[in-house]
Amino acid sequence: MNEQNTTPAAVADIMSHRVVFAHIDHDVTEAARRMRDSDIGFLAVLDGDEVVGAVTDRDIVSRGVAKGVTGLDAAVQTVMTRHVVHCRADAAIESAIELMTTQRVRRLAVVDADNELVGVLSLCDIVQAGQAVDADRLFRLLRALAAPMPTAKTPGPEDSTGGRARGSPRGEIHVYAEKPVIRRRAQPHV
């Protein structure tokens, strides 16, 4: 029996196809409950059918609990990351790793050709891909994630653009220019 080469080449080959959602008005407790029940650390945050942010277990701790924002009185939007860094499902794994390195994120939203959210690529997915991943690129990503971050990802109130990608010059289209959307025909886990 001939074994075919099953080395993953694209993000779609290694990403998680299951995405759990929270609505922008859900409270932090509900978001944490959904993460616990789904055994995940990332929720896409929806406003209608548009993905307007992401909330991670780390966001809940660093922007919520550490700042005294907890419980039913705090909406997810108070702790979420407003920048949805994403890549295409057909993108090469190496380019996704480079994007994660430059943006210093542990997870990427994954979209299809219609800009619809189809999955999430996490650092764990990349590590589990094993031999298919360039070790030097993975090492650079881990170093970038381990380095102290000089600025917050949440833009200040004076930034009317909602924030720019790191290193993106003012006035140019950047990674956050188009927000992913969810498929209207699919029923999200909201």
C-alpha atoms as a PDB file:
ATOM      1  CA  MET A   1       0.000   0.000   0.000  1.00  0.00           C
ATOM      2  CA  ASN A   2       1.401   3.380  -1.021  1.00  0.00           C
ATOM      3  CA  GLU A   3       1.246   6.045   1.619  1.00  0.00           C
ATOM      4  CA  GLN A   4       0.607   9.457   0.189  1.00  0.00           C
ATOM      5  CA  ASN A   5       2.381  12.492   1.536  1.00  0.00           C
ATOM      6  CA  THR A   6      -0.034  13.973   4.067  1.00  0.00           C
ATOM      7  CA  THR A   7       2.206  16.841   5.112  1.00  0.00           C
ATOM      8  CA  PRO A   8      -0.044  19.825   5.800  1.00  0.00           C
ATOM      9  CA  ALA A   9       0.674  22.744   3.496  1.00  0.00           C
ATOM     10  CA  ALA A  10      -2.158  25.164   4.184  1.00  0.00           C
ATOM     11  CA  VAL A  11      -3.727  26.622   7.303  1.00  0.00           C
ATOM     12  CA  ALA A  12      -6.947  24.680   6.556  1.00  0.00           C
ATOM     13  CA  ASP A  13      -5.026  21.431   7.032  1.00  0.00           C
ATOM     14  CA  ILE A  14      -4.193  22.079  10.688  1.00  0.00           C
ATOM     15  CA  MET A  15      -6.705  24.675  11.988  1.00  0.00           C
ATOM     16  CA  SER A  16      -9.632  23.989  14.282  1.00  0.00           C
ATOM     17  CA  HIS A  17     -12.865  24.097  12.298  1.00  0.00           C
ATOM     18  CA  ARG A  18     -14.990  24.623  15.402  1.00  0.00           C
ATOM     19  CA  VAL A  19     -15.455  28.233  16.459  1.00  0.00           C
ATOM     20  CA  VAL A  20     -17.415  29.167  19.565  1.00  0.00           C
ATOM     21  CA  PHE A  21     -18.983  32.618  19.701  1.00  0.00           C
ATOM     22  CA  ALA A  22     -20.093  35.187  22.239  1.00  0.00           C
ATOM     23  CA  HIS A  23     -22.252  38.212  21.546  1.00  0.00           C
ATOM     24  CA  ILE A  24     -20.793  41.633  22.259  1.00  0.00           C
ATOM     25  CA  ASP A  25     -23.345  42.150  25.047  1.00  0.00           C
ATOM     26  CA  HIS A  26     -22.744  38.843  26.835  1.00  0.00           C
ATOM     27  CA  ASP A  27     -21.144  39.255  30.215  1.00  0.00           C
ATOM     28  CA  VAL A  28     -17.637  38.148  31.104  1.00  0.00           C
ATOM     29  CA  THR A  29     -18.972  35.321  33.264  1.00  0.00           C
ATOM     30  CA  GLU A  30     -20.905  33.867  30.314  1.00  0.00           C
ATOM     31  CA  ALA A  31     -17.801  34.079  28.104  1.00  0.00           C
ATOM     32  CA  ALA A  32     -15.733  32.267  30.737  1.00  0.00           C
ATOM     33  CA  ARG A  33     -18.460  29.631  31.106  1.00  0.00           C
ATOM     34  CA  ARG A  34     -18.498  29.017  27.339  1.00  0.00           C
ATOM     35  CA  MET A  35     -14.717  28.635  27.308  1.00  0.00           C
ATOM     36  CA  ARG A  36     -14.824  26.190  30.199  1.00  0.00           C
ATOM     37  CA  ASP A  37     -17.693  24.146  28.734  1.00  0.00           C
ATOM     38  CA  SER A  38     -15.996  23.953  25.320  1.00  0.00           C
ATOM     39  CA  ASP A  39     -12.498  23.434  26.768  1.00  0.00           C
ATOM     40  CA  ILE A  40     -11.085  26.341  24.747  1.00  0.00           C
ATOM     41  CA  GLY A  41      -9.375  29.669  25.435  1.00  0.00           C
ATOM     42  CA  PHE A  42     -10.760  31.759  22.539  1.00  0.00           C
ATOM     43  CA  LEU A  43     -14.195  33.089  21.596  1.00  0.00           C
ATOM     44  CA  ALA A  44     -15.035  35.120  18.514  1.00  0.00           C
ATOM     45  CA  VAL A  45     -17.177  38.086  19.540  1.00  0.00           C
ATOM     46  CA  LEU A  46     -20.133  38.934  17.302  1.00  0.00           C
ATOM     47  CA  ASP A  47     -22.189  42.018  16.705  1.00  0.00           C
ATOM     48  CA  GLY A  48     -24.888  40.792  14.342  1.00  0.00           C
ATOM     49  CA  ASP A  49     -23.086  38.636  11.796  1.00  0.00           C
ATOM     50  CA  GLU A  50     -19.806  40.554  11.996  1.00  0.00           C
ATOM     51  CA  VAL A  51     -16.867  39.397  14.073  1.00  0.00           C
ATOM     52  CA  VAL A  52     -15.933  42.560  15.965  1.00  0.00           C
ATOM     53  CA  GLY A  53     -13.424  41.127  18.383  1.00  0.00           C
ATOM     54  CA  ALA A  54     -12.075  38.156  20.215  1.00  0.00           C
ATOM     55  CA  VAL A  55     -11.922  37.312  23.868  1.00  0.00           C
ATOM     56  CA  THR A  56      -9.407  34.910  25.304  1.00  0.00           C
ATOM     57  CA  ASP A  57      -8.875  33.466  28.728  1.00  0.00           C
ATOM     58  CA  ARG A  58      -5.890  35.796  28.942  1.00  0.00           C
ATOM     59  CA  ASP A  59      -8.086  38.843  28.137  1.00  0.00           C
ATOM     60  CA  ILE A  60     -10.467  37.909  30.948  1.00  0.00           C
ATOM     61  CA  VAL A  61      -7.588  37.735  33.402  1.00  0.00           C
ATOM     62  CA  SER A  62      -5.481  40.708  32.251  1.00  0.00           C
ATOM     63  CA  ARG A  63      -8.245  43.123  31.242  1.00  0.00           C
ATOM     64  CA  GLY A  64     -10.976  41.822  33.500  1.00  0.00           C
ATOM     65  CA  VAL A  65     -10.020  40.256  36.797  1.00  0.00           C
ATOM     66  CA  ALA A  66      -6.750  42.191  37.200  1.00  0.00           C
ATOM     67  CA  LYS A  67      -8.598  45.484  36.654  1.00  0.00           C
ATOM     68  CA  GLY A  68     -11.592  44.552  38.801  1.00  0.00           C
ATOM     69  CA  VAL A  69     -13.954  44.037  35.835  1.00  0.00           C
ATOM     70  CA  THR A  70     -15.831  40.811  36.495  1.00  0.00           C
ATOM     71  CA  GLY A  71     -19.251  39.256  36.706  1.00  0.00           C
ATOM     72  CA  LEU A  72     -22.638  40.102  35.349  1.00  0.00           C
ATOM     73  CA  ASP A  73     -22.034  43.848  35.354  1.00  0.00           C
ATOM     74  CA  ALA A  74     -19.278  43.719  32.709  1.00  0.00           C
ATOM     75  CA  ALA A  75     -19.960  43.071  29.025  1.00  0.00           C
ATOM     76  CA  VAL A  76     -17.515  41.020  26.963  1.00  0.00           C
ATOM     77  CA  GLN A  77     -16.745  44.145  24.931  1.00  0.00           C
ATOM     78  CA  THR A  78     -15.016  45.659  27.983  1.00  0.00           C
ATOM     79  CA  VAL A  79     -12.339  42.947  27.998  1.00  0.00           C
ATOM     80  CA  MET A  80     -12.203  41.746  24.378  1.00  0.00           C
ATOM     81  CA  THR A  81      -9.420  42.382  21.918  1.00  0.00           C
ATOM     82  CA  ARG A  82     -10.937  44.616  19.263  1.00  0.00           C
ATOM     83  CA  HIS A  83      -8.423  43.654  16.603  1.00  0.00           C
ATOM     84  CA  VAL A  84      -9.327  40.489  14.779  1.00  0.00           C
ATOM     85  CA  VAL A  85      -6.097  39.286  13.226  1.00  0.00           C
ATOM     86  CA  HIS A  86      -6.948  36.800  10.521  1.00  0.00           C
ATOM     87  CA  CYS A  87      -5.577  34.856   7.608  1.00  0.00           C
ATOM     88  CA  ARG A  88      -7.033  32.889   4.720  1.00  0.00           C
ATOM     89  CA  ALA A  89      -7.662  29.155   5.032  1.00  0.00           C
ATOM     90  CA  ASP A  90      -5.630  28.558   1.876  1.00  0.00           C
ATOM     91  CA  ALA A  91      -2.622  30.512   3.192  1.00  0.00           C
ATOM     92  CA  ALA A  92       0.646  28.672   3.705  1.00  0.00           C
ATOM     93  CA  ILE A  93       1.315  27.670   7.298  1.00  0.00           C
ATOM     94  CA  GLU A  94       4.615  29.568   7.180  1.00  0.00           C
ATOM     95  CA  SER A  95       2.890  32.832   6.256  1.00  0.00           C
ATOM     96  CA  ALA A  96       0.398  32.363   9.100  1.00  0.00           C
ATOM     97  CA  ILE A  97       3.282  31.851  11.515  1.00  0.00           C
ATOM     98  CA  GLU A  98       4.934  35.034  10.218  1.00  0.00           C
ATOM     99  CA  LEU A  99       1.668  36.952  10.739  1.00  0.00           C
ATOM    100  CA  MET A 100       1.350  35.593  14.266  1.00  0.00           C
ATOM    101  CA  THR A 101       4.962  36.612  14.922  1.00  0.00           C
ATOM    102  CA  THR A 102       4.623  40.183  13.648  1.00  0.00           C
ATOM    103  CA  GLN A 103       1.262  40.676  15.374  1.00  0.00           C
ATOM    104  CA  ARG A 104       2.367  38.787  18.497  1.00  0.00           C
ATOM    105  CA  VAL A 105      -0.813  36.734  18.781  1.00  0.00           C
ATOM    106  CA  ARG A 106      -1.352  33.120  19.823  1.00  0.00           C
ATOM    107  CA  ARG A 107      -4.398  32.587  17.618  1.00  0.00           C
ATOM    108  CA  LEU A 108      -5.595  33.698  14.203  1.00  0.00           C
ATOM    109  CA  ALA A 109      -9.154  33.804  12.959  1.00  0.00           C
ATOM    110  CA  VAL A 110      -9.278  31.913   9.664  1.00  0.00           C
ATOM    111  CA  VAL A 111     -11.494  33.118   6.811  1.00  0.00           C
ATOM    112  CA  ASP A 112     -12.418  31.751   3.404  1.00  0.00           C
ATOM    113  CA  ALA A 113     -12.387  33.572   0.062  1.00  0.00           C
ATOM    114  CA  ASP A 114     -15.677  35.309   0.993  1.00  0.00           C
ATOM    115  CA  ASN A 115     -14.154  36.639   4.245  1.00  0.00           C
ATOM    116  CA  GLU A 116     -16.376  34.302   6.262  1.00  0.00           C
ATOM    117  CA  LEU A 117     -14.997  32.867   9.483  1.00  0.00           C
ATOM    118  CA  VAL A 118     -14.284  29.158   8.996  1.00  0.00           C
ATOM    119  CA  GLY A 119     -11.919  28.320  11.844  1.00  0.00           C
ATOM    120  CA  VAL A 120      -9.181  29.292  14.253  1.00  0.00           C
ATOM    121  CA  LEU A 121      -5.465  28.587  13.997  1.00  0.00           C
ATOM    122  CA  SER A 122      -3.756  28.384  17.367  1.00  0.00           C
ATOM    123  CA  LEU A 123      -0.181  28.017  18.501  1.00  0.00           C
ATOM    124  CA  CYS A 124      -1.177  24.555  19.726  1.00  0.00           C
ATOM    125  CA  ASP A 125      -2.388  23.588  16.217  1.00  0.00           C
ATOM    126  CA  ILE A 126       0.980  24.621  14.812  1.00  0.00           C
ATOM    127  CA  VAL A 127       2.962  22.685  17.402  1.00  0.00           C
ATOM    128  CA  GLN A 128       0.803  19.593  16.836  1.00  0.00           C
ATOM    129  CA  ALA A 129       1.585  19.798  13.100  1.00  0.00           C
ATOM    130  CA  GLY A 130       5.084  18.710  14.121  1.00  0.00           C
ATOM    131  CA  GLN A 131       7.507  18.080  11.269  1.00  0.00           C
ATOM    132  CA  ALA A 132       5.450  20.119   8.805  1.00  0.00           C
ATOM    133  CA  VAL A 133       6.423  23.362  10.528  1.00  0.00           C
ATOM    134  CA  ASP A 134       9.721  25.161  10.026  1.00  0.00           C
ATOM    135  CA  ALA A 135      11.396  25.022  13.446  1.00  0.00           C
ATOM    136  CA  ASP A 136      13.164  28.382  12.989  1.00  0.00           C
ATOM    137  CA  ARG A 137       9.872  30.159  12.251  1.00  0.00           C
ATOM    138  CA  LEU A 138       8.210  28.500  15.218  1.00  0.00           C
ATOM    139  CA  PHE A 139      11.125  29.506  17.456  1.00  0.00           C
ATOM    140  CA  ARG A 140      10.833  33.167  16.300  1.00  0.00           C
ATOM    141  CA  LEU A 141       7.097  33.079  17.065  1.00  0.00           C
ATOM    142  CA  LEU A 142       7.685  31.706  20.556  1.00  0.00           C
ATOM    143  CA  ARG A 143      10.351  34.348  21.226  1.00  0.00           C
ATOM    144  CA  ALA A 144       8.007  37.123  20.031  1.00  0.00           C
ATOM    145  CA  LEU A 145       5.211  35.843  22.262  1.00  0.00           C
ATOM    146  CA  ALA A 146       7.524  35.555  25.269  1.00  0.00           C
ATOM    147  CA  ALA A 147       8.897  39.099  24.977  1.00  0.00           C
ATOM    148  CA  PRO A 148       7.286  41.822  27.099  1.00  0.00           C
ATOM    149  CA  MET A 149       4.755  43.831  25.110  1.00  0.00           C
ATOM    150  CA  PRO A 150       5.426  47.589  25.286  1.00  0.00           C
ATOM    151  CA  THR A 151       1.902  48.673  24.312  1.00  0.00           C
ATOM    152  CA  ALA A 152      -1.609  47.357  24.710  1.00  0.00           C
ATOM    153  CA  LYS A 153      -3.489  45.955  21.729  1.00  0.00           C
ATOM    154  CA  THR A 154      -6.556  48.026  22.546  1.00  0.00           C
ATOM    155  CA  PRO A 155      -6.334  51.430  20.818  1.00  0.00           C
ATOM    156  CA  GLY A 156      -6.750  54.627  22.788  1.00  0.00           C
ATOM    157  CA  PRO A 157      -9.948  56.683  22.477  1.00  0.00           C
ATOM    158  CA  GLU A 158      -8.128  59.179  20.248  1.00  0.00           C
ATOM    159  CA  ASP A 159      -7.538  56.494  17.601  1.00  0.00           C
ATOM    160  CA  SER A 160     -10.561  56.744  15.328  1.00  0.00           C
ATOM    161  CA  THR A 161      -9.322  53.949  13.064  1.00  0.00           C
ATOM    162  CA  GLY A 162      -9.718  51.337  15.781  1.00  0.00           C
ATOM    163  CA  GLY A 163      -5.995  50.661  15.812  1.00  0.00           C
ATOM    164  CA  ARG A 164      -3.415  49.692  13.241  1.00  0.00           C
ATOM    165  CA  ALA A 165      -1.385  46.589  12.859  1.00  0.00           C
ATOM    166  CA  ARG A 166       2.059  46.856  14.409  1.00  0.00           C
ATOM    167  CA  GLY A 167       4.448  48.360  11.888  1.00  0.00           C
ATOM    168  CA  SER A 168       1.653  49.454   9.549  1.00  0.00           C
ATOM    169  CA  PRO A 169       2.161  53.055   8.400  1.00  0.00           C
ATOM    170  CA  ARG A 170      -0.612  55.539   9.033  1.00  0.00           C
ATOM    171  CA  GLY A 171      -3.143  55.707   6.219  1.00  0.00           C
ATOM    172  CA  GLU A 172      -2.405  52.304   4.675  1.00  0.00           C
ATOM    173  CA  ILE A 173      -4.776  49.361   4.612  1.00  0.00           C
ATOM    174  CA  HIS A 174      -3.800  46.950   7.322  1.00  0.00           C
ATOM    175  CA  VAL A 175      -4.683  43.517   8.607  1.00  0.00           C
ATOM    176  CA  TYR A 176      -7.729  44.829  10.482  1.00  0.00           C
ATOM    177  CA  ALA A 177      -9.304  46.661   7.519  1.00  0.00           C
ATOM    178  CA  GLU A 178     -11.902  43.957   6.879  1.00  0.00           C
ATOM    179  CA  LYS A 179     -13.517  42.125   9.741  1.00  0.00           C
ATOM    180  CA  PRO A 180     -14.518  38.519   9.224  1.00  0.00           C
ATOM    181  CA  VAL A 181     -18.196  37.654   9.153  1.00  0.00           C
ATOM    182  CA  ILE A 182     -20.025  34.482  10.041  1.00  0.00           C
ATOM    183  CA  ARG A 183     -21.971  32.417   7.558  1.00  0.00           C
ATOM    184  CA  ARG A 184     -25.619  33.429   7.705  1.00  0.00           C
ATOM    185  CA  ARG A 185     -26.703  29.914   6.766  1.00  0.00           C
ATOM    186  CA  ALA A 186     -24.805  28.429   9.715  1.00  0.00           C
ATOM    187  CA  GLN A 187     -26.190  28.703  13.207  1.00  0.00           C
ATOM    188  CA  PRO A 188     -23.414  29.964  15.540  1.00  0.00           C
ATOM    189  CA  HIS A 189     -23.041  28.670  19.089  1.00  0.00           C
ATOM    190  CA  VAL A 190     -24.188  31.988  20.585  1.00  0.00           C
END
